[in-house]
Amino acid sequence: MPSESFCLAAQARLDSKWLKTDIQLAFTRDGLCGLWNEMVKDGEIVYTGTESTQNGELPPRKGKGL
């Protein structure tokens, strides 16, 4: 089973945002999750696994059908 892969795609336009961030948040579970989610939302963390599609959307996980 292949592991999921992510890539860091730092964006200079967001540097000032991250300079204001309290780095201690990274050492708490909720803080780390929040920082991760912000980076995903901003497009700075990108999924590069084999399940990605050409339009950038992930297909539904197995067993998660409607």
C-alpha atoms as a PDB file:
ATOM      1  CA  MET A   1       0.000   0.000   0.000  1.00  0.00           C
ATOM      2  CA  PRO A   2       1.616   3.301  -1.068  1.00  0.00           C
ATOM      3  CA  SER A   3       1.983   6.034   1.504  1.00  0.00           C
ATOM      4  CA  GLU A   4       0.366   9.408   0.983  1.00  0.00           C
ATOM      5  CA  SER A   5       2.712  12.184  -0.125  1.00  0.00           C
ATOM      6  CA  PHE A   6       2.544  15.885   0.509  1.00  0.00           C
ATOM      7  CA  CYS A   7       4.693  18.708  -0.835  1.00  0.00           C
ATOM      8  CA  LEU A   8       5.467  22.078   0.730  1.00  0.00           C
ATOM      9  CA  ALA A   9       4.795  24.851  -1.797  1.00  0.00           C
ATOM     10  CA  ALA A  10       5.792  27.982   0.124  1.00  0.00           C
ATOM     11  CA  GLN A  11       4.287  31.188  -1.243  1.00  0.00           C
ATOM     12  CA  ALA A  12       6.133  34.458  -0.672  1.00  0.00           C
ATOM     13  CA  ARG A  13       2.835  36.380  -0.663  1.00  0.00           C
ATOM     14  CA  LEU A  14       2.011  34.706   2.678  1.00  0.00           C
ATOM     15  CA  ASP A  15       5.345  35.412   4.413  1.00  0.00           C
ATOM     16  CA  SER A  16       3.989  38.296   6.480  1.00  0.00           C
ATOM     17  CA  LYS A  17       1.085  36.127   7.655  1.00  0.00           C
ATOM     18  CA  TRP A  18       3.395  33.402   8.930  1.00  0.00           C
ATOM     19  CA  LEU A  19       5.833  35.859  10.532  1.00  0.00           C
ATOM     20  CA  LYS A  20       2.976  36.911  12.848  1.00  0.00           C
ATOM     21  CA  THR A  21       2.179  33.301  13.830  1.00  0.00           C
ATOM     22  CA  ASP A  22       2.997  32.114  17.342  1.00  0.00           C
ATOM     23  CA  ILE A  23       5.371  29.201  16.669  1.00  0.00           C
ATOM     24  CA  GLN A  24       4.450  27.622  20.014  1.00  0.00           C
ATOM     25  CA  LEU A  25       1.139  26.604  18.414  1.00  0.00           C
ATOM     26  CA  ALA A  26       3.058  23.915  16.521  1.00  0.00           C
ATOM     27  CA  PHE A  27       3.749  22.131  19.811  1.00  0.00           C
ATOM     28  CA  THR A  28       0.098  21.562  20.721  1.00  0.00           C
ATOM     29  CA  ARG A  29      -2.223  19.127  18.964  1.00  0.00           C
ATOM     30  CA  ASP A  30      -4.935  21.681  18.218  1.00  0.00           C
ATOM     31  CA  GLY A  31      -2.414  24.329  17.254  1.00  0.00           C
ATOM     32  CA  LEU A  32      -0.558  22.030  14.878  1.00  0.00           C
ATOM     33  CA  CYS A  33      -3.827  20.914  13.267  1.00  0.00           C
ATOM     34  CA  GLY A  34      -4.850  24.533  12.840  1.00  0.00           C
ATOM     35  CA  LEU A  35      -1.527  25.498  11.258  1.00  0.00           C
ATOM     36  CA  TRP A  36      -1.673  22.461   8.936  1.00  0.00           C
ATOM     37  CA  ASN A  37      -5.237  23.327   7.883  1.00  0.00           C
ATOM     38  CA  GLU A  38      -4.266  26.937   7.192  1.00  0.00           C
ATOM     39  CA  MET A  39      -1.360  25.807   5.013  1.00  0.00           C
ATOM     40  CA  VAL A  40      -3.618  23.417   3.091  1.00  0.00           C
ATOM     41  CA  LYS A  41      -6.270  26.116   2.654  1.00  0.00           C
ATOM     42  CA  ASP A  42      -3.650  28.593   1.407  1.00  0.00           C
ATOM     43  CA  GLY A  43      -2.224  26.032  -1.032  1.00  0.00           C
ATOM     44  CA  GLU A  44       1.135  25.767   0.718  1.00  0.00           C
ATOM     45  CA  ILE A  45       0.729  22.051   1.422  1.00  0.00           C
ATOM     46  CA  VAL A  46      -0.175  20.078  -1.672  1.00  0.00           C
ATOM     47  CA  TYR A  47      -1.129  16.406  -1.919  1.00  0.00           C
ATOM     48  CA  THR A  48       1.138  14.713  -4.471  1.00  0.00           C
ATOM     49  CA  GLY A  49       0.041  11.103  -3.997  1.00  0.00           C
ATOM     50  CA  THR A  50      -0.997   8.744  -6.742  1.00  0.00           C
ATOM     51  CA  GLU A  51      -4.722   9.328  -6.115  1.00  0.00           C
ATOM     52  CA  SER A  52      -4.673  12.940  -7.291  1.00  0.00           C
ATOM     53  CA  THR A  53      -6.505  13.829 -10.483  1.00  0.00           C
ATOM     54  CA  GLN A  54      -5.688  16.312 -13.222  1.00  0.00           C
ATOM     55  CA  ASN A  55      -8.077  18.944 -11.856  1.00  0.00           C
ATOM     56  CA  GLY A  56      -6.456  18.763  -8.394  1.00  0.00           C
ATOM     57  CA  GLU A  57      -9.427  17.175  -6.624  1.00  0.00           C
ATOM     58  CA  LEU A  58      -9.040  14.001  -4.638  1.00  0.00           C
ATOM     59  CA  PRO A  59     -11.259  11.045  -5.487  1.00  0.00           C
ATOM     60  CA  PRO A  60     -13.515   9.708  -2.706  1.00  0.00           C
ATOM     61  CA  ARG A  61     -11.914   7.231  -0.314  1.00  0.00           C
ATOM     62  CA  LYS A  62     -12.899   3.589  -0.601  1.00  0.00           C
ATOM     63  CA  GLY A  63     -15.809   2.793   1.675  1.00  0.00           C
ATOM     64  CA  LYS A  64     -16.913   6.418   1.840  1.00  0.00           C
ATOM     65  CA  GLY A  65     -19.514   6.235  -0.952  1.00  0.00           C
ATOM     66  CA  LEU A  66     -22.924   7.875  -0.883  1.00  0.00           C
END
